[in-house]
């Protein structure tokens, strides 16, 4: 599912993702995509004190092979819907 996004990152040096997070899940994983292209990601961390956001950034950085400093939550820090920018 990330293949197209990987190639976009390689070509354009930046990718903007729409994400719907499900915190307190059994494990952190990509669950799928919604009809509008929003990615559904389960996050094992609880949504307290930024723990779920930190887990999301760590997961995305690992999946895309970039440092965590190259993953930024642009909006939705306190909600389930987030906009995330990845740079290479």
PDB file of N, CA and C in Angstrom:
ATOM      1  N   UNK A   1       0.813  -1.194   0.000  1.00  0.00           N
ATOM      2  CA  UNK A   1       0.000   0.000   0.000  1.00  0.00           C
ATOM      3  C   UNK A   1       0.860   1.263   0.000  1.00  0.00           C
ATOM      4  N   UNK A   2       2.028   1.196   0.639  1.00  0.00           N
ATOM      5  CA  UNK A   2       2.912   2.348   0.690  1.00  0.00           C
ATOM      6  C   UNK A   2       3.719   2.527  -0.600  1.00  0.00           C
ATOM      7  N   UNK A   3       3.667   1.568  -1.528  1.00  0.00           N
ATOM      8  CA  UNK A   3       4.537   1.597  -2.706  1.00  0.00           C
ATOM      9  C   UNK A   3       4.419   2.899  -3.490  1.00  0.00           C
ATOM     10  N   UNK A   4       3.207   3.335  -3.772  1.00  0.00           N
ATOM     11  CA  UNK A   4       3.004   4.577  -4.517  1.00  0.00           C
ATOM     12  C   UNK A   4       3.550   5.755  -3.735  1.00  0.00           C
ATOM     13  N   UNK A   5       3.338   5.747  -2.438  1.00  0.00           N
ATOM     14  CA  UNK A   5       3.837   6.839  -1.601  1.00  0.00           C
ATOM     15  C   UNK A   5       5.358   6.849  -1.570  1.00  0.00           C
ATOM     16  N   UNK A   6       5.985   5.653  -1.547  1.00  0.00           N
ATOM     17  CA  UNK A   6       7.446   5.562  -1.587  1.00  0.00           C
ATOM     18  C   UNK A   6       7.980   6.220  -2.857  1.00  0.00           C
ATOM     19  N   UNK A   7       7.361   5.894  -3.990  1.00  0.00           N
ATOM     20  CA  UNK A   7       7.843   6.456  -5.250  1.00  0.00           C
ATOM     21  C   UNK A   7       7.599   7.954  -5.301  1.00  0.00           C
ATOM     22  N   UNK A   8       6.470   8.416  -4.755  1.00  0.00           N
ATOM     23  CA  UNK A   8       6.223   9.860  -4.704  1.00  0.00           C
ATOM     24  C   UNK A   8       7.277  10.562  -3.863  1.00  0.00           C
ATOM     25  N   UNK A   9       7.658   9.971  -2.745  1.00  0.00           N
ATOM     26  CA  UNK A   9       8.686  10.556  -1.892  1.00  0.00           C
ATOM     27  C   UNK A   9      10.021  10.602  -2.614  1.00  0.00           C
ATOM     28  N   UNK A  10      10.346   9.542  -3.346  1.00  0.00           N
ATOM     29  CA  UNK A  10      11.603   9.503  -4.092  1.00  0.00           C
ATOM     30  C   UNK A  10      11.637  10.555  -5.196  1.00  0.00           C
ATOM     31  N   UNK A  11      10.506  10.767  -5.856  1.00  0.00           N
ATOM     32  CA  UNK A  11      10.444  11.713  -6.970  1.00  0.00           C
ATOM     33  C   UNK A  11      10.309  13.160  -6.507  1.00  0.00           C
ATOM     34  N   UNK A  12       9.482  13.394  -5.509  1.00  0.00           N
ATOM     35  CA  UNK A  12       9.139  14.757  -5.140  1.00  0.00           C
ATOM     36  C   UNK A  12       9.811  15.240  -3.862  1.00  0.00           C
ATOM     37  N   UNK A  13      10.450  14.376  -3.114  1.00  0.00           N
ATOM     38  CA  UNK A  13      11.142  14.684  -1.863  1.00  0.00           C
ATOM     39  C   UNK A  13      10.202  15.042  -0.724  1.00  0.00           C
ATOM     40  N   UNK A  14       8.893  15.021  -0.977  1.00  0.00           N
ATOM     41  CA  UNK A  14       7.933  15.281   0.093  1.00  0.00           C
ATOM     42  C   UNK A  14       6.623  14.561  -0.211  1.00  0.00           C
ATOM     43  N   UNK A  15       5.999  14.031   0.839  1.00  0.00           N
ATOM     44  CA  UNK A  15       4.697  13.381   0.713  1.00  0.00           C
ATOM     45  C   UNK A  15       3.829  13.891   1.858  1.00  0.00           C
ATOM     46  N   UNK A  16       2.597  14.223   1.533  1.00  0.00           N
ATOM     47  CA  UNK A  16       1.622  14.626   2.541  1.00  0.00           C
ATOM     48  C   UNK A  16       0.606  13.492   2.666  1.00  0.00           C
ATOM     49  N   UNK A  17       0.397  13.020   3.885  1.00  0.00           N
ATOM     50  CA  UNK A  17      -0.523  11.920   4.133  1.00  0.00           C
ATOM     51  C   UNK A  17      -1.712  12.387   4.964  1.00  0.00           C
ATOM     52  N   UNK A  18      -2.871  11.884   4.611  1.00  0.00           N
ATOM     53  CA  UNK A  18      -4.062  12.029   5.441  1.00  0.00           C
ATOM     54  C   UNK A  18      -4.168  10.712   6.204  1.00  0.00           C
ATOM     55  N   UNK A  19      -4.262  10.792   7.533  1.00  0.00           N
ATOM     56  CA  UNK A  19      -4.240   9.584   8.349  1.00  0.00           C
ATOM     57  C   UNK A  19      -5.372   9.618   9.368  1.00  0.00           C
ATOM     58  N   UNK A  20      -5.990   8.466   9.554  1.00  0.00           N
ATOM     59  CA  UNK A  20      -6.944   8.285  10.654  1.00  0.00           C
ATOM     60  C   UNK A  20      -6.322   7.273  11.600  1.00  0.00           C
ATOM     61  N   UNK A  21      -6.064   7.718  12.819  1.00  0.00           N
ATOM     62  CA  UNK A  21      -5.365   6.905  13.812  1.00  0.00           C
ATOM     63  C   UNK A  21      -6.362   6.238  14.748  1.00  0.00           C
ATOM     64  N   UNK A  22      -6.097   4.979  15.064  1.00  0.00           N
ATOM     65  CA  UNK A  22      -6.857   4.251  16.075  1.00  0.00           C
ATOM     66  C   UNK A  22      -5.889   3.942  17.209  1.00  0.00           C
ATOM     67  N   UNK A  23      -5.879   4.785  18.274  1.00  0.00           N
ATOM     68  CA  UNK A  23      -4.934   4.567  19.376  1.00  0.00           C
ATOM     69  C   UNK A  23      -5.367   3.406  20.267  1.00  0.00           C
ATOM     70  N   UNK A  24      -4.464   2.977  21.119  1.00  0.00           N
ATOM     71  CA  UNK A  24      -4.686   1.892  22.086  1.00  0.00           C
ATOM     72  C   UNK A  24      -5.017   0.565  21.406  1.00  0.00           C
ATOM     73  N   UNK A  25      -4.489   0.355  20.215  1.00  0.00           N
ATOM     74  CA  UNK A  25      -4.701  -0.891  19.481  1.00  0.00           C
ATOM     75  C   UNK A  25      -3.756  -1.974  20.020  1.00  0.00           C
ATOM     76  N   UNK A  26      -3.982  -3.193  19.596  1.00  0.00           N
ATOM     77  CA  UNK A  26      -3.137  -4.307  20.036  1.00  0.00           C
ATOM     78  C   UNK A  26      -1.701  -4.156  19.525  1.00  0.00           C
ATOM     79  N   UNK A  27      -1.544  -3.611  18.313  1.00  0.00           N
ATOM     80  CA  UNK A  27      -0.214  -3.410  17.735  1.00  0.00           C
ATOM     81  C   UNK A  27      -0.263  -2.225  16.788  1.00  0.00           C
ATOM     82  N   UNK A  28       0.894  -1.643  16.519  1.00  0.00           N
ATOM     83  CA  UNK A  28       0.977  -0.545  15.570  1.00  0.00           C
ATOM     84  C   UNK A  28       1.151  -1.132  14.182  1.00  0.00           C
ATOM     85  N   UNK A  29       0.210  -0.771  13.278  1.00  0.00           N
ATOM     86  CA  UNK A  29       0.249  -1.335  11.931  1.00  0.00           C
ATOM     87  C   UNK A  29      -0.629  -0.516  10.997  1.00  0.00           C
ATOM     88  N   UNK A  30      -0.333  -0.624   9.710  1.00  0.00           N
ATOM     89  CA  UNK A  30      -1.182  -0.036   8.682  1.00  0.00           C
ATOM     90  C   UNK A  30      -2.387  -0.950   8.534  1.00  0.00           C
ATOM     91  N   UNK A  31      -3.569  -0.397   8.717  1.00  0.00           N
ATOM     92  CA  UNK A  31      -4.786  -1.203   8.678  1.00  0.00           C
ATOM     93  C   UNK A  31      -5.433  -1.200   7.301  1.00  0.00           C
ATOM     94  N   UNK A  32      -5.227  -0.147   6.532  1.00  0.00           N
ATOM     95  CA  UNK A  32      -5.838  -0.057   5.215  1.00  0.00           C
ATOM     96  C   UNK A  32      -6.023   1.384   4.811  1.00  0.00           C
ATOM     97  N   UNK A  33      -6.900   1.594   3.850  1.00  0.00           N
ATOM     98  CA  UNK A  33      -7.182   2.944   3.374  1.00  0.00           C
ATOM     99  C   UNK A  33      -8.684   3.130   3.239  1.00  0.00           C
ATOM    100  N   UNK A  34      -9.117   4.334   3.479  1.00  0.00           N
ATOM    101  CA  UNK A  34     -10.528   4.672   3.322  1.00  0.00           C
ATOM    102  C   UNK A  34     -10.783   5.033   1.861  1.00  0.00           C
ATOM    103  N   UNK A  35     -12.041   5.173   1.495  1.00  0.00           N
ATOM    104  CA  UNK A  35     -12.410   5.466   0.107  1.00  0.00           C
ATOM    105  C   UNK A  35     -11.792   6.765  -0.396  1.00  0.00           C
ATOM    106  N   UNK A  36     -11.577   7.728   0.494  1.00  0.00           N
ATOM    107  CA  UNK A  36     -11.008   9.014   0.081  1.00  0.00           C
ATOM    108  C   UNK A  36      -9.478   9.014   0.064  1.00  0.00           C
ATOM    109  N   UNK A  37      -8.860   7.857   0.334  1.00  0.00           N
ATOM    110  CA  UNK A  37      -7.406   7.750   0.307  1.00  0.00           C
ATOM    111  C   UNK A  37      -6.750   7.935   1.663  1.00  0.00           C
ATOM    112  N   UNK A  38      -7.522   8.289   2.669  1.00  0.00           N
ATOM    113  CA  UNK A  38      -6.982   8.432   4.020  1.00  0.00           C
ATOM    114  C   UNK A  38      -6.494   7.077   4.513  1.00  0.00           C
ATOM    115  N   UNK A  39      -5.271   7.051   5.037  1.00  0.00           N
ATOM    116  CA  UNK A  39      -4.710   5.815   5.568  1.00  0.00           C
ATOM    117  C   UNK A  39      -5.236   5.568   6.973  1.00  0.00           C
ATOM    118  N   UNK A  40      -5.580   4.320   7.267  1.00  0.00           N
ATOM    119  CA  UNK A  40      -6.001   3.936   8.613  1.00  0.00           C
ATOM    120  C   UNK A  40      -4.816   3.230   9.265  1.00  0.00           C
ATOM    121  N   UNK A  41      -4.383   3.775  10.395  1.00  0.00           N
ATOM    122  CA  UNK A  41      -3.243   3.203  11.102  1.00  0.00           C
ATOM    123  C   UNK A  41      -3.626   2.948  12.550  1.00  0.00           C
ATOM    124  N   UNK A  42      -3.427   1.712  12.987  1.00  0.00           N
ATOM    125  CA  UNK A  42      -3.592   1.352  14.393  1.00  0.00           C
ATOM    126  C   UNK A  42      -2.303   1.703  15.115  1.00  0.00           C
ATOM    127  N   UNK A  43      -2.432   2.291  16.297  1.00  0.00           N
ATOM    128  CA  UNK A  43      -1.267   2.652  17.102  1.00  0.00           C
ATOM    129  C   UNK A  43      -1.435   2.012  18.475  1.00  0.00           C
ATOM    130  N   UNK A  44      -0.422   1.287  18.917  1.00  0.00           N
ATOM    131  CA  UNK A  44      -0.500   0.570  20.187  1.00  0.00           C
ATOM    132  C   UNK A  44      -0.444   1.507  21.392  1.00  0.00           C
ATOM    133  N   UNK A  45       0.089   2.687  21.228  1.00  0.00           N
ATOM    134  CA  UNK A  45       0.228   3.620  22.344  1.00  0.00           C
ATOM    135  C   UNK A  45      -1.100   4.281  22.701  1.00  0.00           C
ATOM    136  N   UNK A  46      -1.185   4.712  23.940  1.00  0.00           N
ATOM    137  CA  UNK A  46      -2.380   5.407  24.412  1.00  0.00           C
ATOM    138  C   UNK A  46      -2.330   6.873  23.986  1.00  0.00           C
ATOM    139  N   UNK A  47      -3.498   7.495  23.820  1.00  0.00           N
ATOM    140  CA  UNK A  47      -3.519   8.897  23.390  1.00  0.00           C
ATOM    141  C   UNK A  47      -3.371   9.866  24.563  1.00  0.00           C
ATOM    142  N   UNK A  48      -2.327   9.705  25.335  1.00  0.00           N
ATOM    143  CA  UNK A  48      -2.068  10.564  26.479  1.00  0.00           C
ATOM    144  C   UNK A  48      -0.658  11.118  26.401  1.00  0.00           C
ATOM    145  N   UNK A  49      -0.521  12.406  26.678  1.00  0.00           N
ATOM    146  CA  UNK A  49       0.786  13.061  26.727  1.00  0.00           C
ATOM    147  C   UNK A  49       1.583  12.881  25.434  1.00  0.00           C
ATOM    148  N   UNK A  50       0.910  12.797  24.297  1.00  0.00           N
ATOM    149  CA  UNK A  50       1.585  12.701  23.005  1.00  0.00           C
ATOM    150  C   UNK A  50       2.160  11.338  22.674  1.00  0.00           C
ATOM    151  N   UNK A  51       1.858  10.324  23.471  1.00  0.00           N
ATOM    152  CA  UNK A  51       2.436   8.994  23.241  1.00  0.00           C
ATOM    153  C   UNK A  51       1.983   8.385  21.920  1.00  0.00           C
ATOM    154  N   UNK A  52       0.711   8.549  21.574  1.00  0.00           N
ATOM    155  CA  UNK A  52       0.216   7.993  20.305  1.00  0.00           C
ATOM    156  C   UNK A  52       0.841   8.718  19.125  1.00  0.00           C
ATOM    157  N   UNK A  53       1.008  10.031  19.225  1.00  0.00           N
ATOM    158  CA  UNK A  53       1.654  10.788  18.140  1.00  0.00           C
ATOM    159  C   UNK A  53       3.103  10.354  17.960  1.00  0.00           C
ATOM    160  N   UNK A  54       3.807  10.160  19.065  1.00  0.00           N
ATOM    161  CA  UNK A  54       5.200   9.709  18.999  1.00  0.00           C
ATOM    162  C   UNK A  54       5.281   8.330  18.351  1.00  0.00           C
ATOM    163  N   UNK A  55       4.378   7.438  18.725  1.00  0.00           N
ATOM    164  CA  UNK A  55       4.367   6.092  18.139  1.00  0.00           C
ATOM    165  C   UNK A  55       4.049   6.157  16.653  1.00  0.00           C
ATOM    166  N   UNK A  56       3.130   7.038  16.260  1.00  0.00           N
ATOM    167  CA  UNK A  56       2.784   7.196  14.845  1.00  0.00           C
ATOM    168  C   UNK A  56       3.984   7.694  14.051  1.00  0.00           C
ATOM    169  N   UNK A  57       4.663   8.715  14.553  1.00  0.00           N
ATOM    170  CA  UNK A  57       5.839   9.259  13.863  1.00  0.00           C
ATOM    171  C   UNK A  57       6.920   8.195  13.737  1.00  0.00           C
ATOM    172  N   UNK A  58       7.151   7.448  14.792  1.00  0.00           N
ATOM    173  CA  UNK A  58       8.163   6.381  14.771  1.00  0.00           C
ATOM    174  C   UNK A  58       7.805   5.319  13.737  1.00  0.00           C
ATOM    175  N   UNK A  59       6.538   4.909  13.690  1.00  0.00           N
ATOM    176  CA  UNK A  59       6.083   3.908  12.725  1.00  0.00           C
ATOM    177  C   UNK A  59       6.263   4.401  11.297  1.00  0.00           C
ATOM    178  N   UNK A  60       5.823   5.620  11.014  1.00  0.00           N
ATOM    179  CA  UNK A  60       5.926   6.158   9.654  1.00  0.00           C
ATOM    180  C   UNK A  60       7.388   6.301   9.241  1.00  0.00           C
ATOM    181  N   UNK A  61       8.227   6.793  10.148  1.00  0.00           N
ATOM    182  CA  UNK A  61       9.648   6.944   9.834  1.00  0.00           C
ATOM    183  C   UNK A  61      10.276   5.600   9.490  1.00  0.00           C
ATOM    184  N   UNK A  62       9.944   4.582  10.260  1.00  0.00           N
ATOM    185  CA  UNK A  62      10.488   3.245  10.000  1.00  0.00           C
ATOM    186  C   UNK A  62      10.000   2.708   8.655  1.00  0.00           C
ATOM    187  N   UNK A  63       8.703   2.829   8.379  1.00  0.00           N
ATOM    188  CA  UNK A  63       8.145   2.318   7.137  1.00  0.00           C
ATOM    189  C   UNK A  63       8.727   3.010   5.901  1.00  0.00           C
ATOM    190  N   UNK A  64       8.987   4.300   6.012  1.00  0.00           N
ATOM    191  CA  UNK A  64       9.500   5.055   4.864  1.00  0.00           C
ATOM    192  C   UNK A  64      11.024   5.135   4.851  1.00  0.00           C
ATOM    193  N   UNK A  65      11.676   4.626   5.872  1.00  0.00           N
ATOM    194  CA  UNK A  65      13.131   4.625   5.919  1.00  0.00           C
ATOM    195  C   UNK A  65      13.730   6.014   6.034  1.00  0.00           C
ATOM    196  N   UNK A  66      13.069   6.872   6.792  1.00  0.00           N
ATOM    197  CA  UNK A  66      13.574   8.228   7.005  1.00  0.00           C
ATOM    198  C   UNK A  66      13.743   8.450   8.501  1.00  0.00           C
ATOM    199  N   UNK A  67      14.568   9.425   8.887  1.00  0.00           N
ATOM    200  CA  UNK A  67      14.681   9.753  10.315  1.00  0.00           C
ATOM    201  C   UNK A  67      13.356  10.306  10.848  1.00  0.00           C
ATOM    202  N   UNK A  68      13.123  10.130  12.142  1.00  0.00           N
ATOM    203  CA  UNK A  68      11.898  10.647  12.754  1.00  0.00           C
ATOM    204  C   UNK A  68      11.783  12.160  12.577  1.00  0.00           C
ATOM    205  N   UNK A  69      12.912  12.832  12.484  1.00  0.00           N
ATOM    206  CA  UNK A  69      12.891  14.286  12.310  1.00  0.00           C
ATOM    207  C   UNK A  69      12.348  14.694  10.941  1.00  0.00           C
ATOM    208  N   UNK A  70      12.204  13.754  10.014  1.00  0.00           N
ATOM    209  CA  UNK A  70      11.667  14.028   8.682  1.00  0.00           C
ATOM    210  C   UNK A  70      10.164  13.753   8.593  1.00  0.00           C
ATOM    211  N   UNK A  71       9.558  13.413   9.722  1.00  0.00           N
ATOM    212  CA  UNK A  71       8.115  13.162   9.785  1.00  0.00           C
ATOM    213  C   UNK A  71       7.503  14.211  10.709  1.00  0.00           C
ATOM    214  N   UNK A  72       6.545  14.961  10.187  1.00  0.00           N
ATOM    215  CA  UNK A  72       5.947  16.045  10.967  1.00  0.00           C
ATOM    216  C   UNK A  72       4.423  15.969  10.901  1.00  0.00           C
ATOM    217  N   UNK A  73       3.781  16.037  12.045  1.00  0.00           N
ATOM    218  CA  UNK A  73       2.318  16.112  12.090  1.00  0.00           C
ATOM    219  C   UNK A  73       1.954  17.579  11.892  1.00  0.00           C
ATOM    220  N   UNK A  74       1.354  17.867  10.743  1.00  0.00           N
ATOM    221  CA  UNK A  74       1.011  19.245  10.412  1.00  0.00           C
ATOM    222  C   UNK A  74      -0.270  19.698  11.103  1.00  0.00           C
ATOM    223  N   UNK A  75      -1.241  18.798  11.205  1.00  0.00           N
ATOM    224  CA  UNK A  75      -2.490  19.136  11.890  1.00  0.00           C
ATOM    225  C   UNK A  75      -3.093  17.877  12.482  1.00  0.00           C
ATOM    226  N   UNK A  76      -3.932  18.079  13.487  1.00  0.00           N
ATOM    227  CA  UNK A  76      -4.605  16.962  14.120  1.00  0.00           C
ATOM    228  C   UNK A  76      -3.865  16.374  15.299  1.00  0.00           C
ATOM    229  N   UNK A  77      -2.985  17.146  15.928  1.00  0.00           N
ATOM    230  CA  UNK A  77      -2.202  16.631  17.042  1.00  0.00           C
ATOM    231  C   UNK A  77      -3.076  16.066  18.161  1.00  0.00           C
ATOM    232  N   UNK A  78      -4.258  16.616  18.350  1.00  0.00           N
ATOM    233  CA  UNK A  78      -5.129  16.178  19.442  1.00  0.00           C
ATOM    234  C   UNK A  78      -6.294  15.313  18.961  1.00  0.00           C
ATOM    235  N   UNK A  79      -6.375  15.003  17.676  1.00  0.00           N
ATOM    236  CA  UNK A  79      -7.501  14.243  17.153  1.00  0.00           C
ATOM    237  C   UNK A  79      -7.075  12.954  16.481  1.00  0.00           C
ATOM    238  N   UNK A  80      -8.057  12.222  16.006  1.00  0.00           N
ATOM    239  CA  UNK A  80      -7.786  10.962  15.312  1.00  0.00           C
ATOM    240  C   UNK A  80      -7.405  11.181  13.859  1.00  0.00           C
ATOM    241  N   UNK A  81      -7.867  12.277  13.260  1.00  0.00           N
ATOM    242  CA  UNK A  81      -7.519  12.583  11.872  1.00  0.00           C
ATOM    243  C   UNK A  81      -6.322  13.521  11.868  1.00  0.00           C
ATOM    244  N   UNK A  82      -5.301  13.126  11.123  1.00  0.00           N
ATOM    245  CA  UNK A  82      -4.065  13.888  11.094  1.00  0.00           C
ATOM    246  C   UNK A  82      -3.588  14.106   9.672  1.00  0.00           C
ATOM    247  N   UNK A  83      -2.848  15.177   9.476  1.00  0.00           N
ATOM    248  CA  UNK A  83      -2.152  15.430   8.228  1.00  0.00           C
ATOM    249  C   UNK A  83      -0.671  15.372   8.563  1.00  0.00           C
ATOM    250  N   UNK A  84       0.061  14.499   7.872  1.00  0.00           N
ATOM    251  CA  UNK A  84       1.467  14.249   8.167  1.00  0.00           C
ATOM    252  C   UNK A  84       2.295  14.520   6.915  1.00  0.00           C
ATOM    253  N   UNK A  85       3.429  15.210   7.121  1.00  0.00           N
ATOM    254  CA  UNK A  85       4.369  15.469   6.016  1.00  0.00           C
ATOM    255  C   UNK A  85       5.629  14.647   6.252  1.00  0.00           C
ATOM    256  N   UNK A  86       6.068  13.982   5.186  1.00  0.00           N
ATOM    257  CA  UNK A  86       7.308  13.214   5.210  1.00  0.00           C
ATOM    258  C   UNK A  86       8.251  13.830   4.180  1.00  0.00           C
ATOM    259  N   UNK A  87       9.473  14.118   4.589  1.00  0.00           N
ATOM    260  CA  UNK A  87      10.483  14.611   3.664  1.00  0.00           C
ATOM    261  C   UNK A  87      11.659  13.640   3.665  1.00  0.00           C
ATOM    262  N   UNK A  88      12.374  13.614   2.550  1.00  0.00           N
ATOM    263  CA  UNK A  88      13.540  12.716   2.521  1.00  0.00           C
ATOM    264  C   UNK A  88      14.798  13.475   2.750  1.00  0.00           C
TER     265      UNK A  88
END
